[in-house]
Amino acid sequence: MGRSYLRWPVSTILLFSVCLAAPAAQNPAVQTPPAQPGAATAAPEPLSDAFIENFLRRARVGKTKGTKKGITGSREAMLSAGTLTHKAHIQQIDETVKQFVSMSGTEFNFRDSWMFNVAGYRIDRLLGLNLVPVSVERSWQGEDGSFTWWVDDVMMDEGERLKQKLGVPAPNLEVWNQQLPLVRIFDQLIANIDRNGQNLVITTDWRVWAIDHTRAFRTNTELKTPINITRCDRQVLERLKALDKPTLTRELRKYLTPYQIDALLARRDQIVSILEKAGPAALFDRKEN
């Protein structure tokens, strides 16, 4: 499914694959086959989403600690499989509150769930956005939760950037200005009520990553902030139009209710309508750094 977040020599990736293909009962961090001659000089290759998903599901969980930011209880964990070690974000919250009061107002039947991290990742990939790191379902210490790939090379979050009044360097400005409208479309589509400066992280190449979607997928059928729908990548728009209930049900039935899926499609229709009324001037062909 697309984009990678880490590069590693081809032969090393093959070794990781052998370890991760082992039965779950085995320790995936042991019995790594010896490297082939010349492996150290092999050109780096990107890790696929499928490989990262497998790693997150099977890798041994080592040291964990609470995350420094965010109000939803979560853990930062070090995972290991073969010779690959990488951090993951573990979230196991799954609660419903009849009436939840926050700075943005009162919400009835408030839901905060790790399941929405997995659903958000899958929708991101269906649309070809590649703004959300890989996230999978996994049981740990007797509880189900989401294991999300820890974004590498983060230099700051959006809150820190705004606080420091930092501009985006000219070589990265066009890509930056294309990413933010796509994040806003994504948040309106999934009815994310908790986007803030801390869960929009920026890597050293000025790529934006949207993380932590446990408070998304509300059942409102109207867009909360339609004014945020301004510009869109042409291919993303076509994929938005192509979304249908059978596809979403197949991909998300374990994580979203039929009501949530119906509400998402209703919001999709409004997003598409806004963009079509805006015409060709609202569309662009996305570039990469």
Protein backbone atom coordinates (compact mmCIF):
# COMPACT_ATOMS: atom_id res chain seq x y z
CA MET A 1 0.00 0.00 0.00
CA GLY A 2 2.58 2.46 -0.62
CA ARG A 3 4.78 4.80 1.19
CA SER A 4 7.70 3.87 3.35
CA TYR A 5 9.13 5.52 6.42
CA LEU A 6 12.43 3.69 6.77
CA ARG A 7 15.09 2.48 4.36
CA TRP A 8 17.19 -0.63 4.87
CA PRO A 9 19.50 -2.83 2.74
CA VAL A 10 17.62 -5.35 0.59
CA SER A 11 19.34 -8.40 2.07
CA THR A 12 18.66 -7.18 5.59
CA ILE A 13 14.98 -6.75 4.76
CA LEU A 14 14.92 -10.35 3.55
CA LEU A 15 16.34 -11.45 6.90
CA PHE A 16 13.66 -9.48 8.72
CA SER A 17 11.00 -11.09 6.53
CA VAL A 18 12.16 -14.57 7.50
CA CYS A 19 11.87 -13.68 11.18
CA LEU A 20 8.48 -12.04 10.83
CA ALA A 21 7.09 -14.96 8.86
CA ALA A 22 7.70 -17.29 11.80
CA PRO A 23 4.68 -18.52 13.79
CA ALA A 24 3.49 -16.05 16.41
CA ALA A 25 4.44 -18.41 19.22
CA GLN A 26 8.10 -18.14 18.29
CA ASN A 27 10.31 -15.23 19.32
CA PRO A 28 10.66 -13.24 16.08
CA ALA A 29 13.88 -11.66 17.32
CA VAL A 30 15.94 -14.88 17.29
CA GLN A 31 17.33 -17.38 14.78
CA THR A 32 18.20 -14.73 12.21
CA PRO A 33 19.90 -16.36 9.19
CA PRO A 34 23.44 -15.17 8.42
CA ALA A 35 23.77 -12.25 6.02
CA GLN A 36 24.80 -13.00 2.45
CA PRO A 37 28.13 -11.73 1.11
CA GLY A 38 27.93 -8.15 -0.05
CA ALA A 39 24.85 -7.37 2.03
CA ALA A 40 26.45 -4.36 3.71
CA THR A 41 26.89 -2.57 0.38
CA ALA A 42 23.39 -3.25 -0.97
CA ALA A 43 21.38 -0.16 -1.92
CA PRO A 44 18.71 0.82 0.61
CA GLU A 45 15.15 -0.11 -0.23
CA PRO A 46 11.95 1.25 1.31
CA LEU A 47 9.98 -0.88 3.73
CA SER A 48 6.50 -1.52 2.42
CA ASP A 49 3.35 -0.96 4.43
CA ALA A 50 2.79 -4.73 4.42
CA PHE A 51 6.23 -5.34 5.92
CA ILE A 52 5.72 -2.69 8.60
CA GLU A 53 2.29 -4.10 9.46
CA ASN A 54 3.82 -7.55 9.92
CA PHE A 55 6.61 -6.13 12.07
CA LEU A 56 4.15 -4.28 14.30
CA ARG A 57 2.05 -7.42 14.78
CA ARG A 58 4.87 -9.85 15.51
CA ALA A 59 7.92 -8.04 16.84
CA ARG A 60 8.89 -8.54 20.46
CA VAL A 61 7.84 -5.70 22.75
CA GLY A 62 10.76 -4.47 24.83
CA LYS A 63 11.03 -1.42 27.04
CA THR A 64 7.96 0.83 27.24
CA LYS A 65 7.27 4.22 28.77
CA GLY A 66 4.50 6.80 28.81
CA THR A 67 4.48 9.30 25.97
CA LYS A 68 5.48 12.87 26.75
CA LYS A 69 2.54 14.52 25.03
CA GLY A 70 -1.17 13.92 24.60
CA ILE A 71 -4.01 13.35 27.02
CA THR A 72 -5.05 9.90 25.81
CA GLY A 73 -3.17 7.26 27.81
CA SER A 74 -0.59 5.66 25.56
CA ARG A 75 2.84 4.04 25.59
CA GLU A 76 6.03 4.41 23.62
CA ALA A 77 7.46 0.93 23.04
CA MET A 78 10.66 -0.45 21.55
CA LEU A 79 9.97 -3.38 19.20
CA SER A 80 12.56 -5.85 17.92
CA ALA A 81 12.52 -8.54 15.25
CA GLY A 82 15.71 -10.02 13.90
CA THR A 83 18.15 -7.14 13.57
CA LEU A 84 15.45 -4.50 13.18
CA THR A 85 14.57 -2.40 16.21
CA HIS A 86 12.03 0.39 15.97
CA LYS A 87 9.65 2.29 18.22
CA ALA A 88 5.87 1.98 18.17
CA HIS A 89 3.05 3.94 19.75
CA ILE A 90 0.69 1.68 21.73
CA GLN A 91 -2.82 2.89 22.53
CA GLN A 92 -5.35 0.65 24.28
CA ILE A 93 -8.03 3.11 25.31
CA ASP A 94 -11.58 2.12 24.40
CA GLU A 95 -14.22 3.97 26.37
CA THR A 96 -17.61 5.56 25.93
CA VAL A 97 -18.88 8.45 28.05
CA LYS A 98 -22.54 9.50 28.02
CA GLN A 99 -21.66 13.17 28.35
CA PHE A 100 -18.18 14.57 27.78
CA VAL A 101 -17.37 18.22 28.39
CA SER A 102 -14.27 19.81 26.85
CA MET A 103 -13.07 23.24 25.77
CA SER A 104 -14.85 22.74 22.44
CA GLY A 105 -18.20 22.00 24.05
CA THR A 106 -20.32 19.07 25.22
CA GLU A 107 -20.52 15.78 23.34
CA PHE A 108 -23.02 13.04 24.09
CA ASN A 109 -22.09 9.37 23.69
CA PHE A 110 -18.45 10.40 23.46
CA ARG A 111 -16.15 7.64 22.19
CA ASP A 112 -12.37 7.44 22.55
CA SER A 113 -10.97 4.27 20.97
CA TRP A 114 -7.74 2.78 19.67
CA MET A 115 -9.82 1.21 16.88
CA PHE A 116 -10.05 4.56 15.17
CA ASN A 117 -6.26 4.66 14.70
CA VAL A 118 -6.46 1.52 12.56
CA ALA A 119 -9.52 2.78 10.69
CA GLY A 120 -7.83 6.12 10.03
CA TYR A 121 -4.73 4.43 8.62
CA ARG A 122 -6.79 2.24 6.31
CA ILE A 123 -8.83 5.13 4.97
CA ASP A 124 -5.66 7.17 4.45
CA ARG A 125 -4.29 4.42 2.24
CA LEU A 126 -7.57 3.92 0.35
CA LEU A 127 -7.33 7.59 -0.63
CA GLY A 128 -3.60 7.51 -1.39
CA LEU A 129 -2.90 10.29 1.09
CA ASN A 130 0.02 8.67 2.89
CA LEU A 131 -0.23 11.18 5.72
CA VAL A 132 -0.88 8.62 8.48
CA PRO A 133 1.74 6.14 9.76
CA VAL A 134 1.00 2.42 9.63
CA SER A 135 -1.27 1.26 12.46
CA VAL A 136 -2.44 -2.29 13.23
CA GLU A 137 -4.49 -4.12 15.81
CA ARG A 138 -2.53 -6.15 18.34
CA SER A 139 -3.14 -7.66 21.76
CA TRP A 140 -0.58 -6.80 24.45
CA GLN A 141 -0.67 -7.69 28.13
CA GLY A 142 -4.14 -9.13 27.74
CA GLU A 143 -5.69 -6.07 26.09
CA ASP A 144 -6.35 -5.23 22.46
CA GLY A 145 -4.99 -1.99 21.12
CA SER A 146 -3.36 -0.21 18.20
CA PHE A 147 0.36 -0.45 17.48
CA THR A 148 1.41 2.50 15.32
CA TRP A 149 4.78 2.93 13.60
CA TRP A 150 6.72 5.69 15.33
CA VAL A 151 7.49 8.45 12.84
CA ASP A 152 11.23 8.84 12.30
CA ASP A 153 13.21 12.07 12.13
CA VAL A 154 10.61 14.32 13.76
CA MET A 155 12.03 17.80 14.33
CA MET A 156 8.92 19.41 15.84
CA ASP A 157 5.14 19.36 15.87
CA GLU A 158 2.88 21.99 14.34
CA GLY A 159 2.22 23.55 17.72
CA GLU A 160 5.93 24.10 18.26
CA ARG A 161 6.36 25.51 14.75
CA LEU A 162 3.60 28.05 15.28
CA LYS A 163 4.87 28.97 18.73
CA GLN A 164 8.33 29.65 17.34
CA LYS A 165 6.83 31.43 14.30
CA LEU A 166 8.93 29.34 11.95
CA GLY A 167 8.40 29.61 8.22
CA VAL A 168 8.82 26.72 5.81
CA PRO A 169 12.05 26.78 3.74
CA ALA A 170 11.46 27.72 0.11
CA PRO A 171 12.46 24.32 -1.37
CA ASN A 172 9.77 22.62 0.74
CA LEU A 173 7.07 25.29 0.58
CA GLU A 174 5.07 23.96 -2.37
CA VAL A 175 4.87 20.45 -0.93
CA TRP A 176 3.96 21.89 2.47
CA ASN A 177 1.16 23.97 0.99
CA GLN A 178 -0.24 20.86 -0.67
CA GLN A 179 -0.09 18.69 2.45
CA LEU A 180 -2.11 20.89 4.81
CA PRO A 181 -5.29 21.04 2.67
CA LEU A 182 -5.17 17.24 2.44
CA VAL A 183 -4.90 16.92 6.22
CA ARG A 184 -7.94 19.17 6.57
CA ILE A 185 -9.92 17.09 4.07
CA PHE A 186 -8.97 13.93 5.92
CA ASP A 187 -10.04 15.36 9.28
CA GLN A 188 -13.38 16.52 7.90
CA LEU A 189 -13.95 13.14 6.27
CA ILE A 190 -13.28 11.13 9.44
CA ALA A 191 -14.92 13.72 11.73
CA ASN A 192 -11.79 14.11 13.81
CA ILE A 193 -12.59 16.34 16.80
CA ASP A 194 -9.10 16.25 18.28
CA ARG A 195 -6.68 17.60 15.69
CA ASN A 196 -4.23 19.88 17.43
CA GLY A 197 -0.67 21.08 17.11
CA GLN A 198 0.73 18.16 19.09
CA ASN A 199 -0.66 15.41 16.88
CA LEU A 200 0.52 16.91 13.61
CA VAL A 201 4.24 16.16 13.50
CA ILE A 202 6.84 17.47 11.06
CA THR A 203 9.90 15.55 9.92
CA THR A 204 13.26 16.98 8.90
CA ASP A 205 12.22 17.00 5.23
CA TRP A 206 9.13 19.06 6.17
CA ARG A 207 6.71 16.23 5.64
CA VAL A 208 3.57 16.32 7.77
CA TRP A 209 2.30 13.23 9.58
CA ALA A 210 -1.15 13.08 11.16
CA ILE A 211 -1.17 10.89 14.29
CA ASP A 212 -3.58 9.89 17.08
CA HIS A 213 -7.11 9.47 15.74
CA THR A 214 -8.79 7.92 18.79
CA ARG A 215 -11.38 10.71 18.85
CA ALA A 216 -12.48 10.57 15.23
CA PHE A 217 -15.36 8.91 13.37
CA ARG A 218 -18.24 10.79 14.93
CA THR A 219 -21.70 10.11 13.49
CA ASN A 220 -22.49 13.66 12.40
CA THR A 221 -23.41 13.69 8.73
CA GLU A 222 -22.66 17.40 8.27
CA LEU A 223 -19.13 18.73 7.98
CA LYS A 224 -17.99 20.51 11.14
CA THR A 225 -15.84 23.02 9.27
CA PRO A 226 -16.66 23.02 5.54
CA ILE A 227 -14.61 26.19 5.10
CA ASN A 228 -11.52 24.00 5.58
CA ILE A 229 -12.19 22.28 2.25
CA THR A 230 -10.22 24.44 -0.16
CA ARG A 231 -7.86 22.43 -2.40
CA CYS A 232 -7.26 18.78 -3.24
CA ASP A 233 -4.99 16.52 -5.22
CA ARG A 234 -6.72 15.28 -8.38
CA GLN A 235 -6.09 11.61 -7.69
CA VAL A 236 -7.28 11.94 -4.10
CA LEU A 237 -10.52 13.50 -5.33
CA GLU A 238 -11.10 10.60 -7.72
CA ARG A 239 -10.50 8.12 -4.92
CA LEU A 240 -12.88 10.04 -2.68
CA LYS A 241 -15.55 9.72 -5.35
CA ALA A 242 -14.86 5.99 -5.69
CA LEU A 243 -15.35 5.21 -1.99
CA ASP A 244 -18.40 3.01 -1.49
CA LYS A 245 -20.09 1.19 1.34
CA PRO A 246 -19.01 -2.35 0.31
CA THR A 247 -15.34 -1.30 0.24
CA LEU A 248 -15.50 0.56 3.53
CA THR A 249 -17.42 -2.27 5.18
CA ARG A 250 -14.85 -4.80 4.01
CA GLU A 251 -11.94 -2.71 5.28
CA LEU A 252 -13.46 -1.28 8.45
CA ARG A 253 -16.27 -3.49 9.73
CA LYS A 254 -14.21 -4.55 12.73
CA TYR A 255 -13.50 -0.97 13.74
CA LEU A 256 -16.51 1.13 12.69
CA THR A 257 -20.26 0.64 13.01
CA PRO A 258 -22.55 0.82 9.95
CA TYR A 259 -23.76 4.19 11.27
CA GLN A 260 -20.20 5.53 11.32
CA ILE A 261 -19.61 4.32 7.77
CA ASP A 262 -22.85 5.89 6.55
CA ALA A 263 -21.93 9.18 8.23
CA LEU A 264 -18.48 9.10 6.63
CA LEU A 265 -20.01 8.63 3.18
CA ALA A 266 -22.42 11.51 3.79
CA ARG A 267 -19.49 13.76 4.70
CA ARG A 268 -17.61 12.49 1.64
CA ASP A 269 -20.48 13.59 -0.59
CA GLN A 270 -20.28 17.11 0.83
CA ILE A 271 -16.51 17.29 0.41
CA VAL A 272 -16.77 16.21 -3.22
CA SER A 273 -19.56 18.71 -3.84
CA ILE A 274 -17.51 21.59 -2.42
CA LEU A 275 -14.47 20.68 -4.52
CA GLU A 276 -16.47 20.23 -7.71
CA LYS A 277 -18.13 23.62 -7.24
CA ALA A 278 -14.69 25.18 -6.74
CA GLY A 279 -13.64 23.87 -10.14
CA PRO A 280 -10.21 23.11 -11.64
CA ALA A 281 -8.53 25.95 -9.74
CA ALA A 282 -8.98 23.95 -6.52
CA LEU A 283 -7.10 20.93 -7.85
CA PHE A 284 -3.39 20.20 -8.01
CA ASP A 285 -1.02 17.37 -8.82
CA ARG A 286 0.77 16.48 -5.63
CA LYS A 287 4.54 16.73 -5.51
CA GLU A 288 7.02 15.04 -3.19
CA ASN A 289 10.11 16.45 -1.46
